[in-house]
């Protein structure tokens, strides 16, 4: 199971890296700043850290309970780790990673839809008004005129927001989510 988590985290990191090159190819700085960066932070703050713990546990032969570490990273991050401490500075690192993960979620969800809405409004500002004394011939000559642009596509804020939410949820791969749910959350609530 631990090896599958490592492979899954490497696979998801590779997918996010490919999205960076895709965004760079298309010149989308919004995708880089508001998808790629927070996705990398979120993924590696939680699952990358879990992968680090797995490797450290293998290398040291420790008997630390990784489920316990991950559960209490969320439920009581300021408590001492006791026998589950794998390395010096683990508790402050966990607090920092948890804060980074909490910051990354709204960073992924909110800025991009609002920025796109603002850019859309600026682009079509004033184009909803009709032009006086304009004939059909003028519209053919100037296809970007105000009347021609009167029926431009409306910006669908909810669609962009849902798209961002899907990108955020997509980080939590179904298998990792199942393992995390069954082994961490159910044990914590049980």
C-alpha atoms as a PDB file:
ATOM      1  CA  UNK A   1       0.000   0.000   0.000  1.00  0.00           C
ATOM      2  CA  UNK A   2       2.827   2.417   0.837  1.00  0.00           C
ATOM      3  CA  UNK A   3       4.479   1.811  -2.512  1.00  0.00           C
ATOM      4  CA  UNK A   4       1.203   2.535  -4.304  1.00  0.00           C
ATOM      5  CA  UNK A   5       0.928   5.840  -2.412  1.00  0.00           C
ATOM      6  CA  UNK A   6       4.456   6.758  -3.543  1.00  0.00           C
ATOM      7  CA  UNK A   7       3.672   5.869  -7.154  1.00  0.00           C
ATOM      8  CA  UNK A   8       0.378   7.778  -6.995  1.00  0.00           C
ATOM      9  CA  UNK A   9       2.036  10.920  -5.622  1.00  0.00           C
ATOM     10  CA  UNK A  10       4.768  10.769  -8.271  1.00  0.00           C
ATOM     11  CA  UNK A  11       2.101  10.277 -10.946  1.00  0.00           C
ATOM     12  CA  UNK A  12       0.030  13.242  -9.735  1.00  0.00           C
ATOM     13  CA  UNK A  13       3.136  15.449  -9.543  1.00  0.00           C
ATOM     14  CA  UNK A  14       3.952  14.477 -13.119  1.00  0.00           C
ATOM     15  CA  UNK A  15       0.418  15.380 -14.213  1.00  0.00           C
ATOM     16  CA  UNK A  16       0.615  18.784 -12.540  1.00  0.00           C
ATOM     17  CA  UNK A  17       4.044  19.400 -14.105  1.00  0.00           C
ATOM     18  CA  UNK A  18       2.561  18.624 -17.517  1.00  0.00           C
ATOM     19  CA  UNK A  19      -0.212  21.151 -16.851  1.00  0.00           C
ATOM     20  CA  UNK A  20       2.530  23.739 -16.226  1.00  0.00           C
ATOM     21  CA  UNK A  21       4.096  23.089 -19.627  1.00  0.00           C
ATOM     22  CA  UNK A  22       0.641  23.163 -21.220  1.00  0.00           C
ATOM     23  CA  UNK A  23      -0.139  26.530 -19.607  1.00  0.00           C
ATOM     24  CA  UNK A  24       3.263  27.871 -20.608  1.00  0.00           C
ATOM     25  CA  UNK A  25       2.767  26.733 -24.199  1.00  0.00           C
ATOM     26  CA  UNK A  26      -0.566  28.551 -24.396  1.00  0.00           C
ATOM     27  CA  UNK A  27       0.825  31.596 -22.558  1.00  0.00           C
ATOM     28  CA  UNK A  28      -1.624  31.347 -19.675  1.00  0.00           C
ATOM     29  CA  UNK A  29       0.019  32.983 -16.696  1.00  0.00           C
ATOM     30  CA  UNK A  30      -3.305  32.715 -14.829  1.00  0.00           C
ATOM     31  CA  UNK A  31      -3.151  28.919 -15.015  1.00  0.00           C
ATOM     32  CA  UNK A  32       0.430  28.920 -13.790  1.00  0.00           C
ATOM     33  CA  UNK A  33      -0.182  31.293 -10.876  1.00  0.00           C
ATOM     34  CA  UNK A  34      -3.636  30.126  -9.798  1.00  0.00           C
ATOM     35  CA  UNK A  35      -3.632  26.427 -10.686  1.00  0.00           C
ATOM     36  CA  UNK A  36      -0.135  25.033 -11.028  1.00  0.00           C
ATOM     37  CA  UNK A  37       1.505  26.723  -8.008  1.00  0.00           C
ATOM     38  CA  UNK A  38      -1.278  26.096  -5.455  1.00  0.00           C
ATOM     39  CA  UNK A  39      -1.824  22.546  -6.740  1.00  0.00           C
ATOM     40  CA  UNK A  40       1.858  21.732  -6.240  1.00  0.00           C
ATOM     41  CA  UNK A  41       1.770  23.272  -2.768  1.00  0.00           C
ATOM     42  CA  UNK A  42      -1.413  21.440  -1.762  1.00  0.00           C
ATOM     43  CA  UNK A  43      -0.387  18.056  -3.152  1.00  0.00           C
ATOM     44  CA  UNK A  44       3.079  18.087  -1.686  1.00  0.00           C
ATOM     45  CA  UNK A  45       2.069  19.616   1.639  1.00  0.00           C
ATOM     46  CA  UNK A  46      -0.163  16.634   2.335  1.00  0.00           C
ATOM     47  CA  UNK A  47       0.605  13.647   0.143  1.00  0.00           C
ATOM     48  CA  UNK A  48       4.200  14.634  -0.582  1.00  0.00           C
ATOM     49  CA  UNK A  49       4.754  14.867   3.173  1.00  0.00           C
ATOM     50  CA  UNK A  50       3.143  11.455   3.630  1.00  0.00           C
ATOM     51  CA  UNK A  51       5.551  10.105   0.995  1.00  0.00           C
ATOM     52  CA  UNK A  52       8.473  11.651   2.874  1.00  0.00           C
ATOM     53  CA  UNK A  53       7.289   9.982   6.079  1.00  0.00           C
ATOM     54  CA  UNK A  54       7.062   6.617   4.317  1.00  0.00           C
ATOM     55  CA  UNK A  55      10.628   6.889   3.011  1.00  0.00           C
ATOM     56  CA  UNK A  56      11.997   8.083   6.384  1.00  0.00           C
ATOM     57  CA  UNK A  57      10.222   5.223   8.152  1.00  0.00           C
ATOM     58  CA  UNK A  58      11.694   2.707   5.696  1.00  0.00           C
ATOM     59  CA  UNK A  59      15.199   4.151   6.058  1.00  0.00           C
ATOM     60  CA  UNK A  60      15.181   4.363   9.857  1.00  0.00           C
ATOM     61  CA  UNK A  61      13.225   1.201  10.627  1.00  0.00           C
ATOM     62  CA  UNK A  62      11.024   3.236  12.974  1.00  0.00           C
ATOM     63  CA  UNK A  63       7.819   1.810  14.411  1.00  0.00           C
ATOM     64  CA  UNK A  64       6.003   5.150  14.104  1.00  0.00           C
ATOM     65  CA  UNK A  65       2.347   4.963  13.129  1.00  0.00           C
ATOM     66  CA  UNK A  66       1.935   7.031   9.956  1.00  0.00           C
ATOM     67  CA  UNK A  67      -1.858   6.958  10.229  1.00  0.00           C
ATOM     68  CA  UNK A  68      -1.597   8.452  13.693  1.00  0.00           C
ATOM     69  CA  UNK A  69       0.802  11.135  12.450  1.00  0.00           C
ATOM     70  CA  UNK A  70      -1.484  12.166   9.582  1.00  0.00           C
ATOM     71  CA  UNK A  71      -4.657  12.071  11.700  1.00  0.00           C
ATOM     72  CA  UNK A  72      -3.224  14.262  14.414  1.00  0.00           C
ATOM     73  CA  UNK A  73      -1.568  16.573  11.918  1.00  0.00           C
ATOM     74  CA  UNK A  74      -5.148  17.732  11.208  1.00  0.00           C
ATOM     75  CA  UNK A  75      -6.921  17.147  14.497  1.00  0.00           C
ATOM     76  CA  UNK A  76      -4.309  18.467  16.947  1.00  0.00           C
ATOM     77  CA  UNK A  77      -1.281  19.866  15.136  1.00  0.00           C
ATOM     78  CA  UNK A  78       0.236  21.459  18.247  1.00  0.00           C
ATOM     79  CA  UNK A  79       0.388  18.276  20.363  1.00  0.00           C
ATOM     80  CA  UNK A  80       3.677  16.460  20.870  1.00  0.00           C
ATOM     81  CA  UNK A  81       4.254  13.466  18.614  1.00  0.00           C
ATOM     82  CA  UNK A  82       5.884  11.236  21.239  1.00  0.00           C
ATOM     83  CA  UNK A  83       6.999   7.876  19.804  1.00  0.00           C
ATOM     84  CA  UNK A  84       5.668   8.895  16.381  1.00  0.00           C
ATOM     85  CA  UNK A  85       8.351  11.537  15.913  1.00  0.00           C
ATOM     86  CA  UNK A  86      10.519  10.423  13.002  1.00  0.00           C
ATOM     87  CA  UNK A  87      12.908  13.387  12.819  1.00  0.00           C
ATOM     88  CA  UNK A  88      13.831  16.584  14.632  1.00  0.00           C
ATOM     89  CA  UNK A  89      11.574  19.515  13.728  1.00  0.00           C
ATOM     90  CA  UNK A  90       8.740  17.324  12.513  1.00  0.00           C
ATOM     91  CA  UNK A  91       5.989  19.103  14.479  1.00  0.00           C
ATOM     92  CA  UNK A  92       6.836  22.650  13.254  1.00  0.00           C
ATOM     93  CA  UNK A  93       7.176  21.263   9.718  1.00  0.00           C
ATOM     94  CA  UNK A  94       3.724  19.673   9.977  1.00  0.00           C
ATOM     95  CA  UNK A  95       2.192  22.947  11.174  1.00  0.00           C
ATOM     96  CA  UNK A  96       3.818  24.824   8.288  1.00  0.00           C
ATOM     97  CA  UNK A  97       2.658  22.239   5.729  1.00  0.00           C
ATOM     98  CA  UNK A  98      -0.873  22.280   7.127  1.00  0.00           C
ATOM     99  CA  UNK A  99      -0.995  26.081   6.879  1.00  0.00           C
ATOM    100  CA  UNK A 100       0.328  25.945   3.310  1.00  0.00           C
ATOM    101  CA  UNK A 101      -2.338  23.391   2.371  1.00  0.00           C
ATOM    102  CA  UNK A 102      -5.062  25.538   3.942  1.00  0.00           C
ATOM    103  CA  UNK A 103      -3.836  28.608   2.034  1.00  0.00           C
ATOM    104  CA  UNK A 104      -3.593  26.688  -1.250  1.00  0.00           C
ATOM    105  CA  UNK A 105      -7.288  25.731  -1.333  1.00  0.00           C
ATOM    106  CA  UNK A 106      -8.773  29.254  -1.566  1.00  0.00           C
ATOM    107  CA  UNK A 107      -5.814  30.223  -3.781  1.00  0.00           C
ATOM    108  CA  UNK A 108      -6.957  27.527  -6.241  1.00  0.00           C
ATOM    109  CA  UNK A 109     -10.662  28.312  -5.991  1.00  0.00           C
ATOM    110  CA  UNK A 110     -11.223  32.047  -5.891  1.00  0.00           C
ATOM    111  CA  UNK A 111      -8.752  34.345  -7.708  1.00  0.00           C
ATOM    112  CA  UNK A 112      -8.941  32.887 -11.218  1.00  0.00           C
ATOM    113  CA  UNK A 113     -12.751  33.141 -11.659  1.00  0.00           C
ATOM    114  CA  UNK A 114     -12.787  36.742 -10.370  1.00  0.00           C
ATOM    115  CA  UNK A 115      -9.832  37.747 -12.562  1.00  0.00           C
ATOM    116  CA  UNK A 116     -11.427  36.157 -15.631  1.00  0.00           C
ATOM    117  CA  UNK A 117     -14.708  37.943 -14.895  1.00  0.00           C
ATOM    118  CA  UNK A 118     -12.883  41.266 -14.557  1.00  0.00           C
ATOM    119  CA  UNK A 119     -10.974  40.698 -17.817  1.00  0.00           C
ATOM    120  CA  UNK A 120     -14.197  39.730 -19.584  1.00  0.00           C
ATOM    121  CA  UNK A 121     -15.993  42.841 -18.335  1.00  0.00           C
ATOM    122  CA  UNK A 122     -13.100  45.086 -19.388  1.00  0.00           C
ATOM    123  CA  UNK A 123     -12.969  43.474 -22.810  1.00  0.00           C
ATOM    124  CA  UNK A 124     -16.655  43.960 -23.541  1.00  0.00           C
ATOM    125  CA  UNK A 125     -17.197  47.206 -21.619  1.00  0.00           C
ATOM    126  CA  UNK A 126     -19.401  49.569 -23.563  1.00  0.00           C
ATOM    127  CA  UNK A 127     -20.040  47.081 -26.367  1.00  0.00           C
ATOM    128  CA  UNK A 128     -23.600  46.396 -25.308  1.00  0.00           C
ATOM    129  CA  UNK A 129     -24.783  49.798 -26.545  1.00  0.00           C
ATOM    130  CA  UNK A 130     -26.136  50.118 -30.046  1.00  0.00           C
ATOM    131  CA  UNK A 131     -24.523  52.436 -32.571  1.00  0.00           C
ATOM    132  CA  UNK A 132     -26.739  55.202 -33.979  1.00  0.00           C
ATOM    133  CA  UNK A 133     -27.124  55.589 -37.764  1.00  0.00           C
ATOM    134  CA  UNK A 134     -25.459  52.303 -38.632  1.00  0.00           C
ATOM    135  CA  UNK A 135     -26.531  50.264 -41.620  1.00  0.00           C
ATOM    136  CA  UNK A 136     -26.039  46.556 -42.236  1.00  0.00           C
ATOM    137  CA  UNK A 137     -23.242  47.371 -44.690  1.00  0.00           C
ATOM    138  CA  UNK A 138     -21.296  49.131 -41.937  1.00  0.00           C
ATOM    139  CA  UNK A 139     -21.537  46.007 -39.775  1.00  0.00           C
ATOM    140  CA  UNK A 140     -20.069  43.870 -42.530  1.00  0.00           C
ATOM    141  CA  UNK A 141     -17.157  46.283 -42.924  1.00  0.00           C
ATOM    142  CA  UNK A 142     -16.581  46.546 -39.176  1.00  0.00           C
ATOM    143  CA  UNK A 143     -17.408  43.152 -37.657  1.00  0.00           C
ATOM    144  CA  UNK A 144     -16.090  44.250 -34.257  1.00  0.00           C
ATOM    145  CA  UNK A 145     -18.439  47.208 -34.040  1.00  0.00           C
ATOM    146  CA  UNK A 146     -20.698  47.645 -31.058  1.00  0.00           C
ATOM    147  CA  UNK A 147     -23.844  46.191 -32.641  1.00  0.00           C
ATOM    148  CA  UNK A 148     -21.961  43.182 -33.986  1.00  0.00           C
ATOM    149  CA  UNK A 149     -20.612  42.526 -30.493  1.00  0.00           C
ATOM    150  CA  UNK A 150     -23.972  43.089 -28.847  1.00  0.00           C
ATOM    151  CA  UNK A 151     -24.632  39.357 -28.691  1.00  0.00           C
ATOM    152  CA  UNK A 152     -21.252  38.305 -27.330  1.00  0.00           C
ATOM    153  CA  UNK A 153     -21.131  35.346 -25.000  1.00  0.00           C
ATOM    154  CA  UNK A 154     -21.895  36.215 -21.414  1.00  0.00           C
ATOM    155  CA  UNK A 155     -19.295  35.338 -18.823  1.00  0.00           C
ATOM    156  CA  UNK A 156     -20.472  32.342 -16.831  1.00  0.00           C
ATOM    157  CA  UNK A 157     -18.883  32.852 -13.404  1.00  0.00           C
ATOM    158  CA  UNK A 158     -20.364  29.692 -11.912  1.00  0.00           C
ATOM    159  CA  UNK A 159     -18.973  27.580 -14.747  1.00  0.00           C
ATOM    160  CA  UNK A 160     -15.451  28.911 -14.211  1.00  0.00           C
ATOM    161  CA  UNK A 161     -15.786  28.456 -10.446  1.00  0.00           C
ATOM    162  CA  UNK A 162     -16.970  24.851 -10.844  1.00  0.00           C
ATOM    163  CA  UNK A 163     -14.059  24.228 -13.229  1.00  0.00           C
ATOM    164  CA  UNK A 164     -11.639  25.498 -10.579  1.00  0.00           C
ATOM    165  CA  UNK A 165     -13.322  23.328  -7.962  1.00  0.00           C
ATOM    166  CA  UNK A 166     -12.941  20.277 -10.202  1.00  0.00           C
ATOM    167  CA  UNK A 167      -9.239  21.047 -10.580  1.00  0.00           C
ATOM    168  CA  UNK A 168      -8.962  21.292  -6.800  1.00  0.00           C
ATOM    169  CA  UNK A 169     -10.805  18.045  -6.175  1.00  0.00           C
ATOM    170  CA  UNK A 170      -8.931  16.319  -8.986  1.00  0.00           C
ATOM    171  CA  UNK A 171      -5.781  16.600  -6.859  1.00  0.00           C
ATOM    172  CA  UNK A 172      -7.237  14.129  -4.436  1.00  0.00           C
ATOM    173  CA  UNK A 173      -6.995  11.085  -6.678  1.00  0.00           C
ATOM    174  CA  UNK A 174      -9.788   8.592  -5.983  1.00  0.00           C
ATOM    175  CA  UNK A 175      -7.515   5.859  -4.678  1.00  0.00           C
ATOM    176  CA  UNK A 176      -5.589   8.172  -2.381  1.00  0.00           C
ATOM    177  CA  UNK A 177      -8.866   9.639  -1.214  1.00  0.00           C
ATOM    178  CA  UNK A 178     -10.216   6.172  -0.459  1.00  0.00           C
ATOM    179  CA  UNK A 179      -7.094   5.197   1.471  1.00  0.00           C
ATOM    180  CA  UNK A 180      -7.113   8.495   3.346  1.00  0.00           C
ATOM    181  CA  UNK A 181     -10.829   8.170   4.117  1.00  0.00           C
ATOM    182  CA  UNK A 182     -10.731   4.554   5.248  1.00  0.00           C
ATOM    183  CA  UNK A 183      -7.441   4.596   7.104  1.00  0.00           C
ATOM    184  CA  UNK A 184      -7.376   8.107   8.516  1.00  0.00           C
ATOM    185  CA  UNK A 185     -10.823   9.640   8.850  1.00  0.00           C
ATOM    186  CA  UNK A 186     -12.747   6.509   9.808  1.00  0.00           C
ATOM    187  CA  UNK A 187     -10.094   5.577  12.361  1.00  0.00           C
ATOM    188  CA  UNK A 188     -10.197   9.105  13.792  1.00  0.00           C
ATOM    189  CA  UNK A 189     -13.987   9.096  14.068  1.00  0.00           C
ATOM    190  CA  UNK A 190     -14.151   5.445  15.139  1.00  0.00           C
END
